[in-house]
C-alpha atoms as a PDB file:
ATOM      1  CA  UNK A   1      33.389   6.355  -2.951  1.00  0.00           C
ATOM      2  CA  UNK A   2      35.410   3.419  -4.122  1.00  0.00           C
ATOM      3  CA  UNK A   3      34.122   0.836  -6.551  1.00  0.00           C
ATOM      4  CA  UNK A   4      34.412  -1.793  -3.812  1.00  0.00           C
ATOM      5  CA  UNK A   5      32.295   0.247  -1.425  1.00  0.00           C
ATOM      6  CA  UNK A   6      29.677   0.897  -4.094  1.00  0.00           C
ATOM      7  CA  UNK A   7      29.598  -2.788  -4.973  1.00  0.00           C
ATOM      8  CA  UNK A   8      29.223  -3.825  -1.323  1.00  0.00           C
ATOM      9  CA  UNK A   9      26.457  -1.247  -0.816  1.00  0.00           C
ATOM     10  CA  UNK A  10      24.552  -2.477  -3.845  1.00  0.00           C
ATOM     11  CA  UNK A  11      24.852  -6.105  -2.739  1.00  0.00           C
ATOM     12  CA  UNK A  12      23.720  -5.403   0.825  1.00  0.00           C
ATOM     13  CA  UNK A  13      21.137  -2.685   0.298  1.00  0.00           C
ATOM     14  CA  UNK A  14      19.823  -2.780  -3.243  1.00  0.00           C
ATOM     15  CA  UNK A  15      20.220  -6.388  -4.412  1.00  0.00           C
ATOM     16  CA  UNK A  16      19.715  -8.466  -1.258  1.00  0.00           C
ATOM     17  CA  UNK A  17      16.336 -10.156  -0.897  1.00  0.00           C
ATOM     18  CA  UNK A  18      16.325  -9.106   2.780  1.00  0.00           C
ATOM     19  CA  UNK A  19      17.915  -5.701   2.196  1.00  0.00           C
ATOM     20  CA  UNK A  20      16.425  -2.348   3.028  1.00  0.00           C
ATOM     21  CA  UNK A  21      15.383  -1.600  -0.562  1.00  0.00           C
ATOM     22  CA  UNK A  22      13.399  -4.850  -0.758  1.00  0.00           C
ATOM     23  CA  UNK A  23      11.780  -3.974   2.570  1.00  0.00           C
ATOM     24  CA  UNK A  24      10.738  -0.563   1.265  1.00  0.00           C
ATOM     25  CA  UNK A  25       9.297  -2.082  -1.916  1.00  0.00           C
ATOM     26  CA  UNK A  26       7.325  -4.608   0.144  1.00  0.00           C
ATOM     27  CA  UNK A  27       6.101  -1.837   2.457  1.00  0.00           C
ATOM     28  CA  UNK A  28       4.943   0.204  -0.519  1.00  0.00           C
ATOM     29  CA  UNK A  29       2.999  -2.798  -1.850  1.00  0.00           C
ATOM     30  CA  UNK A  30       1.392  -3.278   1.574  1.00  0.00           C
ATOM     31  CA  UNK A  31       0.402   0.383   1.726  1.00  0.00           C
ATOM     32  CA  UNK A  32      -1.139   0.157  -1.746  1.00  0.00           C
ATOM     33  CA  UNK A  33      -3.187  -2.891  -0.679  1.00  0.00           C
ATOM     34  CA  UNK A  34      -4.362  -1.004   2.417  1.00  0.00           C
ATOM     35  CA  UNK A  35      -5.302   2.030   0.312  1.00  0.00           C
ATOM     36  CA  UNK A  36      -7.262  -0.144  -2.109  1.00  0.00           C
ATOM     37  CA  UNK A  37      -9.050  -1.883   0.745  1.00  0.00           C
ATOM     38  CA  UNK A  38      -9.996   1.418   2.350  1.00  0.00           C
ATOM     39  CA  UNK A  39     -11.292   2.741  -0.960  1.00  0.00           C
ATOM     40  CA  UNK A  40     -13.456  -0.361  -1.405  1.00  0.00           C
ATOM     41  CA  UNK A  41     -14.773  -0.002   2.150  1.00  0.00           C
ATOM     42  CA  UNK A  42     -15.622   3.657   1.555  1.00  0.00           C
ATOM     43  CA  UNK A  43     -17.429   2.832  -1.683  1.00  0.00           C
ATOM     44  CA  UNK A  44     -19.466   0.129   0.044  1.00  0.00           C
ATOM     45  CA  UNK A  45     -20.289   2.467   2.939  1.00  0.00           C
ATOM     46  CA  UNK A  46     -21.465   5.178   0.565  1.00  0.00           C
ATOM     47  CA  UNK A  47     -23.684   2.705  -1.323  1.00  0.00           C
ATOM     48  CA  UNK A  48     -25.267   1.393   1.869  1.00  0.00           C
ATOM     49  CA  UNK A  49     -25.777   4.848   3.327  1.00  0.00           C
ATOM     50  CA  UNK A  50     -27.268   6.063   0.053  1.00  0.00           C
ATOM     51  CA  UNK A  51     -29.721   3.172   0.081  1.00  0.00           C
ATOM     52  CA  UNK A  52     -30.550   3.842   3.738  1.00  0.00           C
ATOM     53  CA  UNK A  53     -31.129   7.536   3.088  1.00  0.00           C
ATOM     54  CA  UNK A  54     -33.403   6.694   0.178  1.00  0.00           C
ATOM     55  CA  UNK A  55     -35.331   4.165   2.258  1.00  0.00           C
ATOM     56  CA  UNK A  56     -35.749   6.439   5.264  1.00  0.00           C
ATOM     57  CA  UNK A  57     -36.674   9.355   3.052  1.00  0.00           C
ATOM     58  CA  UNK A  58     -39.713   7.410   1.831  1.00  0.00           C
ATOM     59  CA  UNK A  59     -41.008   6.572   5.294  1.00  0.00           C
END
């Protein structure tokens, strides 16, 4: 690969704010936020269900 081709690739793919690398980095960040949200939802669900099981177990 020529130096010119490598330079053009880096400008268009790796360095551009709207390039594919930036899109993949943004997608990864979005997936991490989704994962964190799902983990928080699961934790809340488990707390509520644990409290419900305790309450119904006493009735």
